[in-house]
PDB file of all heavy atoms in Angstrom:
ATOM      1  N   SER A   1     114.311 119.049  86.368  1.00  0.00           N
ATOM      2  CA  SER A   1     113.927 118.997  87.787  1.00  0.00           C
ATOM      3  C   SER A   1     112.978 117.825  88.034  1.00  0.00           C
ATOM      4  O   SER A   1     112.380 117.280  87.105  1.00  0.00           O
ATOM      5  CB  SER A   1     113.250 120.304  88.199  1.00  0.00           C
ATOM      6  OG  SER A   1     112.050 120.503  87.461  1.00  0.00           O
ATOM      7  N   ASP A   2     112.853 117.442  89.299  1.00  0.00           N
ATOM      8  CA  ASP A   2     111.958 116.347  89.660  1.00  0.00           C
ATOM      9  C   ASP A   2     110.494 116.760  89.480  1.00  0.00           C
ATOM     10  O   ASP A   2     110.144 117.944  89.585  1.00  0.00           O
ATOM     11  CB  ASP A   2     112.168 115.941  91.111  1.00  0.00           C
ATOM     12  CG  ASP A   2     113.364 115.008  91.293  1.00  0.00           C
ATOM     13  OD1 ASP A   2     113.923 114.541  90.271  1.00  0.00           O
ATOM     14  OD2 ASP A   2     113.741 114.750  92.450  1.00  0.00           O
ATOM     15  N   TRP A   3     109.665 115.753  89.234  1.00  0.00           N
ATOM     16  CA  TRP A   3     108.225 115.961  89.293  1.00  0.00           C
ATOM     17  C   TRP A   3     107.838 116.090  90.761  1.00  0.00           C
ATOM     18  O   TRP A   3     108.387 115.400  91.611  1.00  0.00           O
ATOM     19  CB  TRP A   3     107.481 114.779  88.690  1.00  0.00           C
ATOM     20  CG  TRP A   3     107.829 114.476  87.260  1.00  0.00           C
ATOM     21  CD1 TRP A   3     108.731 113.572  86.806  1.00  0.00           C
ATOM     22  CD2 TRP A   3     107.253 115.077  86.098  1.00  0.00           C
ATOM     23  NE1 TRP A   3     108.769 113.565  85.441  1.00  0.00           N
ATOM     24  CE2 TRP A   3     107.863 114.487  84.971  1.00  0.00           C
ATOM     25  CE3 TRP A   3     106.273 116.064  85.895  1.00  0.00           C
ATOM     26  CZ2 TRP A   3     107.541 114.837  83.672  1.00  0.00           C
ATOM     27  CZ3 TRP A   3     105.944 116.422  84.599  1.00  0.00           C
ATOM     28  CH2 TRP A   3     106.574 115.816  83.506  1.00  0.00           C
ATOM     29  N   ARG A   4     106.886 116.965  91.044  1.00  0.00           N
ATOM     30  CA  ARG A   4     106.416 117.131  92.424  1.00  0.00           C
ATOM     31  C   ARG A   4     104.968 116.652  92.490  1.00  0.00           C
ATOM     32  O   ARG A   4     104.082 117.213  91.854  1.00  0.00           O
ATOM     33  CB  ARG A   4     106.553 118.585  92.874  1.00  0.00           C
ATOM     34  CG  ARG A   4     107.988 119.092  92.776  1.00  0.00           C
ATOM     35  CD  ARG A   4     108.122 120.518  93.291  1.00  0.00           C
ATOM     36  NE  ARG A   4     107.885 120.594  94.729  1.00  0.00           N
ATOM     37  CZ  ARG A   4     106.968 121.359  95.293  1.00  0.00           C
ATOM     38  NH1 ARG A   4     106.183 122.123  94.548  1.00  0.00           N
ATOM     39  NH2 ARG A   4     106.817 121.385  96.602  1.00  0.00           N
ATOM     40  N   ILE A   5     104.757 115.591  93.246  1.00  0.00           N
ATOM     41  CA  ILE A   5     103.451 114.935  93.297  1.00  0.00           C
ATOM     42  C   ILE A   5     102.831 115.114  94.672  1.00  0.00           C
ATOM     43  O   ILE A   5     103.434 114.778  95.698  1.00  0.00           O
ATOM     44  CB  ILE A   5     103.593 113.419  93.004  1.00  0.00           C
ATOM     45  CG1 ILE A   5     104.387 113.189  91.710  1.00  0.00           C
ATOM     46  CG2 ILE A   5     102.223 112.764  92.938  1.00  0.00           C
ATOM     47  CD1 ILE A   5     103.774 113.818  90.488  1.00  0.00           C
ATOM     48  N   GLY A   6     101.625 115.668  94.699  1.00  0.00           N
ATOM     49  CA  GLY A   6     100.933 115.858  95.959  1.00  0.00           C
ATOM     50  C   GLY A   6     100.147 114.613  96.337  1.00  0.00           C
ATOM     51  O   GLY A   6      99.534 113.961  95.495  1.00  0.00           O
ATOM     52  N   ILE A   7     100.187 114.261  97.588  1.00  0.00           N
ATOM     53  CA  ILE A   7      99.400 113.137  98.112  1.00  0.00           C
ATOM     54  C   ILE A   7      98.143 113.694  98.743  1.00  0.00           C
ATOM     55  O   ILE A   7      98.200 114.484  99.682  1.00  0.00           O
ATOM     56  CB  ILE A   7     100.216 112.324  99.122  1.00  0.00           C
ATOM     57  CG1 ILE A   7     101.454 111.722  98.447  1.00  0.00           C
ATOM     58  CG2 ILE A   7      99.356 111.218  99.734  1.00  0.00           C
ATOM     59  CD1 ILE A   7     102.391 111.013  99.404  1.00  0.00           C
ATOM     60  N   GLN A   8      97.015 113.252  98.223  1.00  0.00           N
ATOM     61  CA  GLN A   8      95.723 113.806  98.634  1.00  0.00           C
ATOM     62  C   GLN A   8      95.401 113.497 100.082  1.00  0.00           C
ATOM     63  O   GLN A   8      95.655 112.408 100.577  1.00  0.00           O
ATOM     64  CB  GLN A   8      94.610 113.234  97.740  1.00  0.00           C
ATOM     65  CG  GLN A   8      93.227 113.790  98.032  1.00  0.00           C
ATOM     66  CD  GLN A   8      92.164 113.136  97.171  1.00  0.00           C
ATOM     67  OE1 GLN A   8      92.427 112.159  96.488  1.00  0.00           O
ATOM     68  NE2 GLN A   8      90.954 113.656  97.220  1.00  0.00           N
ATOM     69  N   ARG A   9      94.833 114.489 100.750  1.00  0.00           N
ATOM     70  CA  ARG A   9      94.319 114.277 102.110  1.00  0.00           C
ATOM     71  C   ARG A   9      93.046 113.435 102.005  1.00  0.00           C
ATOM     72  O   ARG A   9      92.189 113.715 101.157  1.00  0.00           O
ATOM     73  CB  ARG A   9      94.031 115.624 102.766  1.00  0.00           C
ATOM     74  CG  ARG A   9      93.941 115.570 104.259  1.00  0.00           C
ATOM     75  CD  ARG A   9      93.759 116.967 104.828  1.00  0.00           C
ATOM     76  NE  ARG A   9      93.824 116.948 106.275  1.00  0.00           N
ATOM     77  CZ  ARG A   9      94.669 117.676 106.997  1.00  0.00           C
ATOM     78  NH1 ARG A   9      95.517 118.474 106.386  1.00  0.00           N
ATOM     79  NH2 ARG A   9      94.672 117.611 108.302  1.00  0.00           N
ATOM     80  N   PRO A  10      92.891 112.400 102.842  1.00  0.00           N
ATOM     81  CA  PRO A  10      91.741 111.497 102.698  1.00  0.00           C
ATOM     82  C   PRO A  10      90.443 112.043 103.287  1.00  0.00           C
ATOM     83  O   PRO A  10      89.826 111.443 104.153  1.00  0.00           O
ATOM     84  CB  PRO A  10      92.196 110.248 103.454  1.00  0.00           C
ATOM     85  CG  PRO A  10      93.115 110.779 104.482  1.00  0.00           C
ATOM     86  CD  PRO A  10      93.831 111.941 103.848  1.00  0.00           C
ATOM     87  N   ASP A  11      90.042 113.216 102.806  1.00  0.00           N
ATOM     88  CA  ASP A  11      88.763 113.778 103.179  1.00  0.00           C
ATOM     89  C   ASP A  11      88.285 114.626 102.015  1.00  0.00           C
ATOM     90  O   ASP A  11      88.872 114.621 100.943  1.00  0.00           O
ATOM     91  CB  ASP A  11      88.860 114.586 104.486  1.00  0.00           C
ATOM     92  CG  ASP A  11      89.949 115.661 104.418  1.00  0.00           C
ATOM     93  OD1 ASP A  11      90.166 116.231 103.331  1.00  0.00           O
ATOM     94  OD2 ASP A  11      90.602 115.914 105.455  1.00  0.00           O
ATOM     95  N   GLU A  12      87.229 115.358 102.213  1.00  0.00           N
ATOM     96  CA  GLU A  12      86.638 116.106 101.114  1.00  0.00           C
ATOM     97  C   GLU A  12      87.072 117.568 101.096  1.00  0.00           C
ATOM     98  O   GLU A  12      86.467 118.406 100.432  1.00  0.00           O
ATOM     99  CB  GLU A  12      85.106 116.005 101.181  1.00  0.00           C
ATOM    100  CG  GLU A  12      84.610 114.574 101.020  1.00  0.00           C
ATOM    101  CD  GLU A  12      83.098 114.443 101.072  1.00  0.00           C
ATOM    102  OE1 GLU A  12      82.435 115.487 101.308  1.00  0.00           O
ATOM    103  OE2 GLU A  12      82.582 113.345 100.894  1.00  0.00           O
ATOM    104  N   THR A  13      88.141 117.899 101.806  1.00  0.00           N
ATOM    105  CA  THR A  13      88.610 119.289 101.852  1.00  0.00           C
ATOM    106  C   THR A  13      89.398 119.666 100.605  1.00  0.00           C
ATOM    107  O   THR A  13      89.551 120.841 100.312  1.00  0.00           O
ATOM    108  CB  THR A  13      89.522 119.512 103.071  1.00  0.00           C
ATOM    109  OG1 THR A  13      90.707 118.715 102.938  1.00  0.00           O
ATOM    110  CG2 THR A  13      88.798 119.126 104.351  1.00  0.00           C
ATOM    111  N   GLY A  14      89.899 118.666  99.877  1.00  0.00           N
ATOM    112  CA  GLY A  14      90.720 118.958  98.704  1.00  0.00           C
ATOM    113  C   GLY A  14      92.157 119.288  99.047  1.00  0.00           C
ATOM    114  O   GLY A  14      92.946 119.647  98.175  1.00  0.00           O
ATOM    115  N   GLY A  15      92.522 119.171 100.321  1.00  0.00           N
ATOM    116  CA  GLY A  15      93.883 119.469 100.737  1.00  0.00           C
ATOM    117  C   GLY A  15      94.827 118.298 100.496  1.00  0.00           C
ATOM    118  O   GLY A  15      94.442 117.254  99.973  1.00  0.00           O
ATOM    119  N   MET A  16      96.091 118.501 100.895  1.00  0.00           N
ATOM    120  CA  MET A  16      97.095 117.481 100.681  1.00  0.00           C
ATOM    121  C   MET A  16      97.812 117.134 101.977  1.00  0.00           C
ATOM    122  O   MET A  16      98.001 117.973 102.844  1.00  0.00           O
ATOM    123  CB  MET A  16      98.114 117.950  99.645  1.00  0.00           C
ATOM    124  CG  MET A  16      97.573 118.033  98.231  1.00  0.00           C
ATOM    125  SD  MET A  16      98.859 118.556  97.097  1.00  0.00           S
ATOM    126  CE  MET A  16      99.168 120.231  97.698  1.00  0.00           C
ATOM    127  N   LEU A  17      98.253 115.889 102.061  1.00  0.00           N
ATOM    128  CA  LEU A  17      99.089 115.475 103.183  1.00  0.00           C
ATOM    129  C   LEU A  17     100.492 116.033 103.026  1.00  0.00           C
ATOM    130  O   LEU A  17     101.152 116.365 104.009  1.00  0.00           O
ATOM    131  CB  LEU A  17      99.179 113.947 103.241  1.00  0.00           C
ATOM    132  CG  LEU A  17      97.920 113.196 103.609  1.00  0.00           C
ATOM    133  CD1 LEU A  17      98.201 111.698 103.617  1.00  0.00           C
ATOM    134  CD2 LEU A  17      97.421 113.642 104.976  1.00  0.00           C
ATOM    135  N   GLY A  18     100.948 116.104 101.781  1.00  0.00           N
ATOM    136  CA  GLY A  18     102.295 116.579 101.519  1.00  0.00           C
ATOM    137  C   GLY A  18     102.643 116.406 100.060  1.00  0.00           C
ATOM    138  O   GLY A  18     101.813 115.961  99.257  1.00  0.00           O
ATOM    139  N   VAL A  19     103.863 116.754  99.730  1.00  0.00           N
ATOM    140  CA  VAL A  19     104.328 116.686  98.344  1.00  0.00           C
ATOM    141  C   VAL A  19     105.635 115.909  98.322  1.00  0.00           C
ATOM    142  O   VAL A  19     106.524 116.125  99.156  1.00  0.00           O
ATOM    143  CB  VAL A  19     104.563 118.101  97.773  1.00  0.00           C
ATOM    144  CG1 VAL A  19     105.112 118.020  96.350  1.00  0.00           C
ATOM    145  CG2 VAL A  19     103.261 118.898  97.801  1.00  0.00           C
ATOM    146  N   VAL A  20     105.744 114.979  97.365  1.00  0.00           N
ATOM    147  CA  VAL A  20     106.967 114.190  97.227  1.00  0.00           C
ATOM    148  C   VAL A  20     107.575 114.471  95.848  1.00  0.00           C
ATOM    149  O   VAL A  20     106.871 114.544  94.851  1.00  0.00           O
ATOM    150  CB  VAL A  20     106.682 112.687  97.425  1.00  0.00           C
ATOM    151  CG1 VAL A  20     105.700 112.154  96.407  1.00  0.00           C
ATOM    152  CG2 VAL A  20     107.978 111.893  97.397  1.00  0.00           C
ATOM    153  N   SER A  21     108.895 114.669  95.816  1.00  0.00           N
ATOM    154  CA  SER A  21     109.616 114.911  94.565  1.00  0.00           C
ATOM    155  C   SER A  21     110.155 113.593  94.040  1.00  0.00           C
ATOM    156  O   SER A  21     110.820 112.859  94.779  1.00  0.00           O
ATOM    157  CB  SER A  21     110.777 115.891  94.810  1.00  0.00           C
ATOM    158  OG  SER A  21     110.298 117.143  95.245  1.00  0.00           O
ATOM    159  N   ILE A  22     109.858 113.295  92.777  1.00  0.00           N
ATOM    160  CA  ILE A  22     110.225 111.990  92.234  1.00  0.00           C
ATOM    161  C   ILE A  22     110.751 112.091  90.806  1.00  0.00           C
ATOM    162  O   ILE A  22     110.523 113.082  90.104  1.00  0.00           O
ATOM    163  CB  ILE A  22     109.036 111.009  92.224  1.00  0.00           C
ATOM    164  CG1 ILE A  22     107.934 111.524  91.268  1.00  0.00           C
ATOM    165  CG2 ILE A  22     108.497 110.779  93.616  1.00  0.00           C
ATOM    166  CD1 ILE A  22     106.898 110.486  90.920  1.00  0.00           C
ATOM    167  N   HIS A  23     111.427 111.067  90.369  1.00  0.00           N
ATOM    168  CA  HIS A  23     111.714 110.806  88.963  1.00  0.00           C
ATOM    169  C   HIS A  23     111.873 109.297  88.811  1.00  0.00           C
ATOM    170  O   HIS A  23     112.329 108.611  89.723  1.00  0.00           O
ATOM    171  CB  HIS A  23     112.971 111.541  88.491  1.00  0.00           C
ATOM    172  CG  HIS A  23     114.212 111.192  89.250  1.00  0.00           C
ATOM    173  ND1 HIS A  23     114.602 111.853  90.400  1.00  0.00           N
ATOM    174  CD2 HIS A  23     115.149 110.222  89.047  1.00  0.00           C
ATOM    175  CE1 HIS A  23     115.711 111.322  90.876  1.00  0.00           C
ATOM    176  NE2 HIS A  23     116.081 110.327  90.071  1.00  0.00           N
ATOM    177  N   ASP A  24     111.464 108.775  87.679  1.00  0.00           N
ATOM    178  CA  ASP A  24     111.565 107.345  87.390  1.00  0.00           C
ATOM    179  C   ASP A  24     110.964 106.469  88.469  1.00  0.00           C
ATOM    180  O   ASP A  24     111.541 105.440  88.856  1.00  0.00           O
ATOM    181  CB  ASP A  24     113.036 106.960  87.164  1.00  0.00           C
ATOM    182  CG  ASP A  24     113.544 107.420  85.803  1.00  0.00           C
ATOM    183  OD1 ASP A  24     112.773 107.360  84.834  1.00  0.00           O
ATOM    184  OD2 ASP A  24     114.713 107.845  85.729  1.00  0.00           O
ATOM    185  N   CYS A  25     109.806 106.840  88.962  1.00  0.00           N
ATOM    186  CA  CYS A  25     109.128 105.972  89.922  1.00  0.00           C
ATOM    187  C   CYS A  25     107.645 106.327  89.992  1.00  0.00           C
ATOM    188  O   CYS A  25     107.194 107.289  89.366  1.00  0.00           O
ATOM    189  CB  CYS A  25     109.765 106.037  91.310  1.00  0.00           C
ATOM    190  SG  CYS A  25     109.520 107.569  92.200  1.00  0.00           S
ATOM    191  N   ALA A  26     106.918 105.505  90.746  1.00  0.00           N
ATOM    192  CA  ALA A  26     105.473 105.688  90.882  1.00  0.00           C
ATOM    193  C   ALA A  26     105.123 106.125  92.293  1.00  0.00           C
ATOM    194  O   ALA A  26     105.829 105.817  93.250  1.00  0.00           O
ATOM    195  CB  ALA A  26     104.753 104.376  90.565  1.00  0.00           C
ATOM    196  N   VAL A  27     104.014 106.861  92.409  1.00  0.00           N
ATOM    197  CA  VAL A  27     103.421 107.213  93.710  1.00  0.00           C
ATOM    198  C   VAL A  27     101.966 106.762  93.639  1.00  0.00           C
ATOM    199  O   VAL A  27     101.160 107.339  92.907  1.00  0.00           O
ATOM    200  CB  VAL A  27     103.492 108.726  93.986  1.00  0.00           C
ATOM    201  CG1 VAL A  27     102.880 109.033  95.348  1.00  0.00           C
ATOM    202  CG2 VAL A  27     104.924 109.219  93.924  1.00  0.00           C
ATOM    203  N   ILE A  28     101.641 105.739  94.412  1.00  0.00           N
ATOM    204  CA  ILE A  28     100.297 105.154  94.344  1.00  0.00           C
ATOM    205  C   ILE A  28      99.708 105.083  95.752  1.00  0.00           C
ATOM    206  O   ILE A  28     100.353 104.599  96.688  1.00  0.00           O
ATOM    207  CB  ILE A  28     100.334 103.762  93.689  1.00  0.00           C
ATOM    208  CG1 ILE A  28     100.752 103.930  92.210  1.00  0.00           C
ATOM    209  CG2 ILE A  28      98.987 103.069  93.803  1.00  0.00           C
ATOM    210  CD1 ILE A  28     100.801 102.639  91.422  1.00  0.00           C
ATOM    211  N   THR A  29      98.471 105.576  95.885  1.00  0.00           N
ATOM    212  CA  THR A  29      97.825 105.693  97.190  1.00  0.00           C
ATOM    213  C   THR A  29      96.561 104.852  97.264  1.00  0.00           C
ATOM    214  O   THR A  29      95.784 104.804  96.309  1.00  0.00           O
ATOM    215  CB  THR A  29      97.459 107.168  97.466  1.00  0.00           C
ATOM    216  OG1 THR A  29      98.658 107.958  97.435  1.00  0.00           O
ATOM    217  CG2 THR A  29      96.793 107.318  98.822  1.00  0.00           C
ATOM    218  N   SER A  30      96.358 104.205  98.394  1.00  0.00           N
ATOM    219  CA  SER A  30      95.112 103.501  98.701  1.00  0.00           C
ATOM    220  C   SER A  30      94.510 104.086  99.967  1.00  0.00           C
ATOM    221  O   SER A  30      95.232 104.391 100.914  1.00  0.00           O
ATOM    222  CB  SER A  30      95.349 102.005  98.900  1.00  0.00           C
ATOM    223  OG  SER A  30      95.622 101.356  97.686  1.00  0.00           O
ATOM    224  N   GLY A  31      93.195 104.255  99.951  1.00  0.00           N
ATOM    225  CA  GLY A  31      92.513 104.772 101.128  1.00  0.00           C
ATOM    226  C   GLY A  31      91.043 104.438 101.097  1.00  0.00           C
ATOM    227  O   GLY A  31      90.460 104.265 100.023  1.00  0.00           O
ATOM    228  N   GLY A  32      90.459 104.356 102.259  1.00  0.00           N
ATOM    229  CA  GLY A  32      89.051 104.033 102.342  1.00  0.00           C
ATOM    230  C   GLY A  32      88.150 105.125 101.796  1.00  0.00           C
ATOM    231  O   GLY A  32      86.959 104.891 101.552  1.00  0.00           O
ATOM    232  N   TYR A  33      88.693 106.316 101.579  1.00  0.00           N
ATOM    233  CA  TYR A  33      87.910 107.445 101.061  1.00  0.00           C
ATOM    234  C   TYR A  33      87.632 107.306  99.563  1.00  0.00           C
ATOM    235  O   TYR A  33      86.828 108.058  98.991  1.00  0.00           O
ATOM    236  CB  TYR A  33      88.669 108.752 101.306  1.00  0.00           C
ATOM    237  CG  TYR A  33      89.993 108.824 100.584  1.00  0.00           C
ATOM    238  CD1 TYR A  33      90.101 109.371  99.316  1.00  0.00           C
ATOM    239  CD2 TYR A  33      91.147 108.292 101.168  1.00  0.00           C
ATOM    240  CE1 TYR A  33      91.312 109.405  98.652  1.00  0.00           C
ATOM    241  CE2 TYR A  33      92.359 108.331 100.520  1.00  0.00           C
ATOM    242  CZ  TYR A  33      92.438 108.886  99.263  1.00  0.00           C
ATOM    243  OH  TYR A  33      93.646 108.908  98.606  1.00  0.00           O
ATOM    244  N   GLU A  34      88.274 106.369  98.884  1.00  0.00           N
ATOM    245  CA  GLU A  34      88.145 106.277  97.427  1.00  0.00           C
ATOM    246  C   GLU A  34      86.774 105.773  97.007  1.00  0.00           C
ATOM    247  O   GLU A  34      86.154 106.292  96.088  1.00  0.00           O
ATOM    248  CB  GLU A  34      89.250 105.370  96.876  1.00  0.00           C
ATOM    249  CG  GLU A  34      90.654 105.913  97.081  1.00  0.00           C
ATOM    250  CD  GLU A  34      91.726 104.894  96.734  1.00  0.00           C
ATOM    251  OE1 GLU A  34      91.639 103.754  97.214  1.00  0.00           O
ATOM    252  OE2 GLU A  34      92.642 105.241  95.975  1.00  0.00           O
ATOM    253  N   ARG A  35      86.322 104.685  97.640  1.00  0.00           N
ATOM    254  CA  ARG A  35      84.999 104.114  97.361  1.00  0.00           C
ATOM    255  C   ARG A  35      84.409 103.625  98.671  1.00  0.00           C
ATOM    256  O   ARG A  35      85.036 102.833  99.368  1.00  0.00           O
ATOM    257  CB  ARG A  35      85.094 102.931  96.383  1.00  0.00           C
ATOM    258  CG  ARG A  35      85.148 103.327  94.919  1.00  0.00           C
ATOM    259  CD  ARG A  35      85.041 102.085  94.046  1.00  0.00           C
ATOM    260  NE  ARG A  35      86.199 101.235  94.140  1.00  0.00           N
ATOM    261  CZ  ARG A  35      86.198  99.931  93.878  1.00  0.00           C
ATOM    262  NH1 ARG A  35      85.070  99.318  93.576  1.00  0.00           N
ATOM    263  NH2 ARG A  35      87.314  99.225  93.976  1.00  0.00           N
ATOM    264  N   TYR A  36      83.203 104.081  98.972  1.00  0.00           N
ATOM    265  CA  TYR A  36      82.592 103.672 100.234  1.00  0.00           C
ATOM    266  C   TYR A  36      81.100 103.949 100.210  1.00  0.00           C
ATOM    267  O   TYR A  36      80.585 104.641  99.315  1.00  0.00           O
ATOM    268  CB  TYR A  36      83.239 104.386 101.410  1.00  0.00           C
ATOM    269  CG  TYR A  36      83.049 105.889 101.426  1.00  0.00           C
ATOM    270  CD1 TYR A  36      82.006 106.470 102.157  1.00  0.00           C
ATOM    271  CD2 TYR A  36      83.910 106.725 100.728  1.00  0.00           C
ATOM    272  CE1 TYR A  36      81.826 107.841 102.180  1.00  0.00           C
ATOM    273  CE2 TYR A  36      83.733 108.102 100.742  1.00  0.00           C
ATOM    274  CZ  TYR A  36      82.701 108.654 101.469  1.00  0.00           C
ATOM    275  OH  TYR A  36      82.513 110.016 101.481  1.00  0.00           O
ATOM    276  N   PHE A  37      80.403 103.393 101.172  1.00  0.00           N
ATOM    277  CA  PHE A  37      78.985 103.712 101.334  1.00  0.00           C
ATOM    278  C   PHE A  37      78.681 103.767 102.827  1.00  0.00           C
ATOM    279  O   PHE A  37      79.472 103.286 103.654  1.00  0.00           O
ATOM    280  CB  PHE A  37      78.091 102.697 100.611  1.00  0.00           C
ATOM    281  CG  PHE A  37      78.072 101.324 101.209  1.00  0.00           C
ATOM    282  CD1 PHE A  37      77.103 100.948 102.124  1.00  0.00           C
ATOM    283  CD2 PHE A  37      79.037 100.379 100.844  1.00  0.00           C
ATOM    284  CE1 PHE A  37      77.089  99.659 102.679  1.00  0.00           C
ATOM    285  CE2 PHE A  37      79.025  99.102 101.381  1.00  0.00           C
ATOM    286  CZ  PHE A  37      78.048  98.744 102.304  1.00  0.00           C
ATOM    287  N   GLU A  38      77.544 104.351 103.165  1.00  0.00           N
ATOM    288  CA  GLU A  38      77.128 104.453 104.561  1.00  0.00           C
ATOM    289  C   GLU A  38      75.790 103.764 104.734  1.00  0.00           C
ATOM    290  O   GLU A  38      74.872 103.927 103.914  1.00  0.00           O
ATOM    291  CB  GLU A  38      77.017 105.925 104.971  1.00  0.00           C
ATOM    292  CG  GLU A  38      78.339 106.679 104.934  1.00  0.00           C
ATOM    293  CD  GLU A  38      78.165 108.164 105.200  1.00  0.00           C
ATOM    294  OE1 GLU A  38      77.049 108.559 105.617  1.00  0.00           O
ATOM    295  OE2 GLU A  38      79.115 108.920 104.996  1.00  0.00           O
TER     296      GLU A  38
END
């Protein structure tokens, strides 16, 4: 079966935007929530 990869919601809730089923490929996310300062 395919791997099921969750895409993180860009906040601190720990939730997900959704799940994508994949094989033989990459799922890579960029977001401003990864590193920031105020």
